[in-house]
Amino acid sequence: MRLMTWPLNHIRWKIVLPYAFLTVVLAVAGSYMATQVVTGSLAERFENQLTEAGRVVADSVVRKEREHLETVRAVAFTAGIPDAVRAGDKAKIEGLVGPIAGNAAVERLEILDSQGGRLKTLWLADEEALLYQELSDADDPATWPLVQKALQGEVDELGDKYAQIVETSEGFVLYTAGPITDNGEVVGVVLVGTPLDSFVTATKAEALGDITVYDFAGNPLASTYVRPDDASGDARLDVGGGFWRTQLWEWPRSASTERSGGAATTWFTAGWM
């Protein structure tokens, strides 16, 4: 007991101890404040980067749709296309749309008849050589909502062209559809598409961050994150939850999530983890 009270009996300890205690308190308070400032700065920087990446991706979607629309219009307004589509002349259609597809370097292009049946399909097999081949899948575009809208000649406040993310047998594809008309009558549809995997890969370089596209149920459709194929089910987004730091962007030109003839269509959303 005498050893414990000994420092207090000396005047120098009575002078030093309060200052030592005050120093410790100031050091702890200063460390806490510095930590809070650094943490807040990092969080703010992350939020800013997330917002900027979201804006870049949203802009990329708009630019891609504009590119699609240019090709759709070029095909639909090419002289001879309406007559060839009405007559089902596949050779003439190929001769007319092949150069247009090559000039625009589109990845997928389809010409449909008035019933939604395929007359001519092209997919970019060799990007460097601009070599196109026929699609060999068994998909039925006539069941896709954007094709039905184009065939029925529906017109909304944005026009008669429609865009949608469609689940095909080869993966999700961002499609734009427009009617082919002859004297005001819809005789067919032109589809221009970009595989979603290709789109997110190209956009990653612009956004300077990895990108994941989700449907509104939180299921991933395409992603630039490297993960095992069997782990894709673990990447589901908890929509509305507080665990994920995500930025969601709605693409108003697409149709609501639904399934038609085995093809899933969804709005465009993107998230970054």
Protein backbone atom coordinates (compact mmCIF):
# COMPACT_ATOMS: atom_id res chain seq x y z
CA MET A 1 0.00 0.00 0.00
CA ARG A 2 2.88 2.34 0.86
CA LEU A 3 4.44 1.64 -2.60
CA MET A 4 1.16 2.55 -4.36
CA THR A 5 0.76 5.84 -2.53
CA TRP A 6 4.44 6.75 -2.69
CA PRO A 7 4.30 8.68 -6.04
CA LEU A 8 1.37 10.73 -4.79
CA ASN A 9 3.40 11.91 -1.84
CA HIS A 10 5.89 13.64 -4.14
CA ILE A 11 5.00 17.03 -5.56
CA ARG A 12 6.58 16.37 -8.96
CA TRP A 13 4.25 13.42 -9.57
CA LYS A 14 1.29 15.54 -8.51
CA ILE A 15 2.30 18.01 -11.21
CA VAL A 16 3.20 15.48 -13.95
CA LEU A 17 0.32 13.00 -13.67
CA PRO A 18 -2.50 15.39 -14.73
CA TYR A 19 -0.50 16.45 -17.78
CA ALA A 20 0.29 12.83 -18.61
CA PHE A 21 -3.39 11.93 -18.32
CA LEU A 22 -4.35 14.91 -20.48
CA THR A 23 -1.78 13.86 -23.09
CA VAL A 24 -3.23 10.36 -23.26
CA VAL A 25 -6.77 11.71 -23.63
CA LEU A 26 -5.73 14.11 -26.40
CA ALA A 27 -3.81 11.36 -28.20
CA VAL A 28 -6.82 9.01 -28.13
CA ALA A 29 -9.20 11.76 -29.24
CA GLY A 30 -6.84 12.85 -32.01
CA SER A 31 -6.40 9.29 -33.27
CA TYR A 32 -10.17 8.78 -33.29
CA MET A 33 -10.80 11.98 -35.23
CA ALA A 34 -8.04 11.21 -37.74
CA THR A 35 -9.45 7.72 -38.28
CA GLN A 36 -12.94 9.12 -38.83
CA VAL A 37 -11.67 11.68 -41.34
CA VAL A 38 -9.70 9.06 -43.32
CA THR A 39 -12.58 6.56 -43.27
CA GLY A 40 -15.07 9.22 -44.36
CA SER A 41 -12.76 10.35 -47.15
CA LEU A 42 -12.36 6.80 -48.46
CA ALA A 43 -16.12 6.19 -48.30
CA GLU A 44 -16.81 9.46 -50.13
CA ARG A 45 -14.21 8.61 -52.76
CA PHE A 46 -15.78 5.18 -53.26
CA GLU A 47 -19.25 6.71 -53.59
CA ASN A 48 -17.97 9.20 -56.16
CA GLN A 49 -16.23 6.49 -58.16
CA LEU A 50 -19.36 4.34 -58.02
CA THR A 51 -21.55 7.18 -59.24
CA GLU A 52 -19.15 8.07 -62.03
CA ALA A 53 -18.87 4.43 -63.14
CA GLY A 54 -22.66 4.18 -63.16
CA ARG A 55 -22.95 7.29 -65.30
CA VAL A 56 -20.36 5.97 -67.75
CA VAL A 57 -22.16 2.63 -68.09
CA ALA A 58 -25.53 4.32 -68.53
CA ASP A 59 -24.05 6.51 -71.25
CA SER A 60 -22.54 3.43 -72.89
CA VAL A 61 -25.96 1.79 -73.05
CA VAL A 62 -27.41 4.88 -74.72
CA ARG A 63 -24.56 5.03 -77.24
CA LYS A 64 -24.91 1.34 -78.02
CA GLU A 65 -28.64 1.74 -78.61
CA ARG A 66 -27.96 4.69 -80.90
CA GLU A 67 -25.50 2.56 -82.88
CA HIS A 68 -28.13 -0.15 -83.15
CA LEU A 69 -30.73 2.36 -84.27
CA GLU A 70 -28.47 3.68 -87.01
CA THR A 71 -28.08 0.18 -88.42
CA VAL A 72 -31.78 -0.59 -88.02
CA ARG A 73 -32.69 2.53 -89.99
CA ALA A 74 -30.01 1.86 -92.61
CA VAL A 75 -31.42 -1.61 -93.24
CA ALA A 76 -35.10 -0.68 -93.06
CA PHE A 77 -34.71 2.24 -95.48
CA THR A 78 -32.46 0.49 -97.99
CA ALA A 79 -34.10 0.33 -101.41
CA GLY A 80 -35.16 -3.18 -102.27
CA ILE A 81 -35.34 -4.49 -98.69
CA PRO A 82 -39.14 -4.29 -98.28
CA ASP A 83 -39.73 -6.08 -101.61
CA ALA A 84 -37.11 -8.74 -100.82
CA VAL A 85 -38.59 -9.32 -97.36
CA ARG A 86 -42.11 -9.55 -98.72
CA ALA A 87 -40.95 -12.02 -101.37
CA GLY A 88 -38.78 -13.98 -98.91
CA ASP A 89 -35.77 -13.55 -101.22
CA LYS A 90 -32.96 -14.57 -98.85
CA ALA A 91 -30.17 -14.19 -101.41
CA LYS A 92 -31.19 -10.61 -102.23
CA ILE A 93 -31.56 -9.78 -98.54
CA GLU A 94 -28.06 -11.06 -97.85
CA GLY A 95 -26.64 -9.00 -100.68
CA LEU A 96 -28.30 -5.85 -99.37
CA VAL A 97 -27.73 -6.15 -95.62
CA GLY A 98 -24.30 -7.81 -95.66
CA PRO A 99 -22.38 -4.61 -96.52
CA ILE A 100 -24.41 -2.62 -93.97
CA ALA A 101 -23.57 -5.10 -91.22
CA GLY A 102 -19.90 -5.05 -92.18
CA ASN A 103 -19.67 -1.25 -92.27
CA ALA A 104 -21.24 -0.96 -88.81
CA ALA A 105 -19.39 -4.04 -87.48
CA VAL A 106 -22.58 -5.17 -85.74
CA GLU A 107 -22.29 -8.43 -83.85
CA ARG A 108 -25.76 -9.79 -84.64
CA LEU A 109 -28.27 -8.85 -87.32
CA GLU A 110 -31.54 -10.60 -88.14
CA ILE A 111 -34.19 -9.98 -90.77
CA LEU A 112 -37.65 -11.34 -89.94
CA ASP A 113 -40.75 -11.72 -92.07
CA SER A 114 -44.22 -10.44 -91.21
CA GLN A 115 -44.80 -13.44 -88.92
CA GLY A 116 -41.53 -13.05 -87.04
CA GLY A 117 -39.85 -15.92 -88.86
CA ARG A 118 -36.18 -15.63 -89.71
CA LEU A 119 -35.28 -14.84 -93.29
CA LYS A 120 -31.62 -13.96 -92.78
CA THR A 121 -29.34 -14.00 -89.74
CA LEU A 122 -25.76 -12.80 -89.36
CA TRP A 123 -23.34 -13.01 -86.46
CA LEU A 124 -19.80 -11.69 -86.38
CA ALA A 125 -17.59 -14.79 -86.36
CA ASP A 126 -14.29 -12.97 -86.97
CA GLU A 127 -14.07 -9.36 -85.79
CA GLU A 128 -10.77 -8.59 -87.50
CA ALA A 129 -11.76 -10.02 -90.88
CA LEU A 130 -15.41 -8.92 -90.50
CA LEU A 131 -16.48 -12.45 -91.35
CA TYR A 132 -20.17 -13.17 -90.81
CA GLN A 133 -21.93 -16.51 -90.50
CA GLU A 134 -25.51 -17.69 -90.12
CA LEU A 135 -26.89 -18.16 -86.62
CA SER A 136 -27.36 -21.85 -85.93
CA ASP A 137 -29.55 -21.63 -82.82
CA ALA A 138 -33.19 -22.66 -82.57
CA ASP A 139 -34.47 -19.44 -80.99
CA ASP A 140 -37.86 -18.11 -82.04
CA PRO A 141 -37.72 -14.29 -82.23
CA ALA A 142 -41.45 -14.14 -82.94
CA THR A 143 -42.04 -14.82 -79.22
CA TRP A 144 -39.94 -11.88 -78.07
CA PRO A 145 -42.00 -8.87 -76.88
CA LEU A 146 -39.93 -6.27 -78.74
CA VAL A 147 -40.49 -8.19 -82.00
CA GLN A 148 -44.22 -8.39 -81.34
CA LYS A 149 -44.36 -4.64 -80.75
CA ALA A 150 -42.50 -3.95 -83.99
CA LEU A 151 -44.69 -6.37 -85.98
CA GLN A 152 -47.85 -4.79 -84.61
CA GLY A 153 -46.59 -1.34 -85.55
CA GLU A 154 -46.87 -0.03 -82.01
CA VAL A 155 -45.71 3.54 -81.56
CA ASP A 156 -45.06 5.20 -78.21
CA GLU A 157 -43.79 8.64 -77.25
CA LEU A 158 -40.26 7.60 -78.27
CA GLY A 159 -41.13 6.12 -81.65
CA ASP A 160 -41.57 2.69 -83.21
CA LYS A 161 -38.17 1.20 -82.29
CA TYR A 162 -37.76 -1.00 -79.22
CA ALA A 163 -34.80 -2.33 -77.24
CA GLN A 164 -34.59 -5.26 -74.86
CA ILE A 165 -32.18 -7.66 -73.20
CA VAL A 166 -33.25 -11.08 -74.46
CA GLU A 167 -32.15 -14.48 -73.20
CA THR A 168 -31.12 -16.54 -76.23
CA SER A 169 -29.70 -20.03 -76.42
CA GLU A 170 -26.25 -18.45 -76.65
CA GLY A 171 -26.68 -16.08 -73.71
CA PHE A 172 -28.21 -12.69 -73.07
CA VAL A 173 -28.24 -10.24 -75.99
CA LEU A 174 -29.02 -6.54 -76.05
CA TYR A 175 -31.37 -6.20 -79.06
CA THR A 176 -32.91 -3.25 -80.87
CA ALA A 177 -35.85 -3.89 -83.19
CA GLY A 178 -37.49 -1.77 -85.84
CA PRO A 179 -40.21 -2.43 -88.42
CA ILE A 180 -39.61 -2.81 -92.15
CA THR A 181 -42.50 -1.09 -93.91
CA ASP A 182 -43.79 -0.94 -97.46
CA ASN A 183 -46.32 1.82 -98.19
CA GLY A 184 -47.19 2.01 -94.50
CA GLU A 185 -47.59 -1.76 -94.07
CA VAL A 186 -45.26 -3.67 -91.77
CA VAL A 187 -43.73 -6.47 -93.86
CA GLY A 188 -40.94 -7.49 -91.50
CA VAL A 189 -38.60 -6.59 -88.67
CA VAL A 190 -34.89 -5.89 -88.46
CA LEU A 191 -33.04 -6.88 -85.28
CA VAL A 192 -29.58 -5.60 -84.35
CA GLY A 193 -27.95 -7.07 -81.26
CA THR A 194 -24.88 -7.10 -79.07
CA PRO A 195 -24.16 -10.00 -76.68
CA LEU A 196 -24.28 -8.76 -73.12
CA ASP A 197 -20.94 -10.37 -72.28
CA SER A 198 -19.34 -8.47 -75.12
CA PHE A 199 -20.97 -5.21 -74.03
CA VAL A 200 -19.85 -5.35 -70.38
CA THR A 201 -16.32 -6.33 -71.39
CA ALA A 202 -16.02 -3.32 -73.70
CA THR A 203 -17.63 -0.97 -71.16
CA LYS A 204 -15.33 -2.07 -68.33
CA ALA A 205 -12.43 -0.17 -69.90
CA GLU A 206 -14.50 3.03 -69.97
CA ALA A 207 -15.93 2.70 -66.46
CA LEU A 208 -12.54 1.75 -64.94
CA GLY A 209 -14.33 -0.80 -62.79
CA ASP A 210 -15.91 -4.22 -62.97
CA ILE A 211 -19.53 -4.35 -64.07
CA THR A 212 -22.39 -6.73 -63.36
CA VAL A 213 -25.79 -6.60 -65.05
CA TYR A 214 -28.72 -7.82 -62.95
CA ASP A 215 -32.40 -8.34 -63.56
CA PHE A 216 -34.90 -6.88 -61.11
CA ALA A 217 -34.96 -10.13 -59.14
CA GLY A 218 -31.28 -9.65 -58.36
CA ASN A 219 -30.05 -12.41 -60.64
CA PRO A 220 -26.78 -11.71 -62.51
CA LEU A 221 -27.06 -11.75 -66.29
CA ALA A 222 -23.50 -10.83 -67.25
CA SER A 223 -20.40 -9.76 -65.37
CA THR A 224 -16.76 -8.86 -65.83
CA TYR A 225 -15.87 -10.39 -62.47
CA VAL A 226 -13.77 -13.53 -62.76
CA ARG A 227 -15.48 -16.40 -61.00
CA PRO A 228 -15.86 -20.16 -61.45
CA ASP A 229 -18.76 -21.15 -63.68
CA ASP A 230 -20.34 -23.18 -60.89
CA ALA A 231 -20.30 -20.16 -58.57
CA SER A 232 -22.57 -17.97 -60.68
CA GLY A 233 -25.54 -18.68 -58.41
CA ASP A 234 -23.67 -17.18 -55.45
CA ALA A 235 -23.53 -13.74 -57.06
CA ARG A 236 -27.20 -12.94 -56.58
CA LEU A 237 -27.89 -9.33 -55.63
CA ASP A 238 -29.92 -8.76 -52.46
CA VAL A 239 -32.17 -6.08 -53.91
CA GLY A 240 -33.17 -3.63 -51.21
CA GLY A 241 -30.72 -5.07 -48.70
CA GLY A 242 -28.07 -3.04 -46.96
CA PHE A 243 -25.13 -5.40 -47.43
CA TRP A 244 -24.28 -4.58 -51.02
CA ARG A 245 -22.82 -1.28 -52.18
CA THR A 246 -24.44 -1.01 -55.57
CA GLN A 247 -25.59 1.50 -58.12
CA LEU A 248 -28.69 0.58 -60.10
CA TRP A 249 -29.56 2.16 -63.43
CA GLU A 250 -32.91 1.64 -65.12
CA TRP A 251 -33.04 1.56 -68.90
CA PRO A 252 -36.51 2.89 -69.84
CA ARG A 253 -36.55 1.61 -73.42
CA SER A 254 -36.70 -2.04 -72.41
CA ALA A 255 -39.70 -4.06 -71.35
CA SER A 256 -40.55 -5.34 -67.91
CA THR A 257 -39.22 -8.71 -66.79
CA GLU A 258 -41.23 -11.56 -68.22
CA ARG A 259 -40.87 -14.92 -69.93
CA SER A 260 -42.31 -15.60 -73.33
CA GLY A 261 -41.66 -18.78 -75.26
CA GLY A 262 -38.68 -19.58 -73.06
CA ALA A 263 -37.00 -16.24 -73.67
CA ALA A 264 -36.38 -14.02 -70.67
CA THR A 265 -36.52 -10.29 -71.19
CA THR A 266 -35.54 -7.77 -68.59
CA TRP A 267 -34.83 -4.14 -67.90
CA PHE A 268 -31.22 -3.08 -67.77
CA THR A 269 -29.68 -2.75 -64.33
CA ALA A 270 -26.03 -2.66 -63.40
CA GLY A 271 -24.26 -3.07 -60.09
CA TRP A 272 -20.71 -2.83 -58.82
CA MET A 273 -19.53 -4.67 -55.74
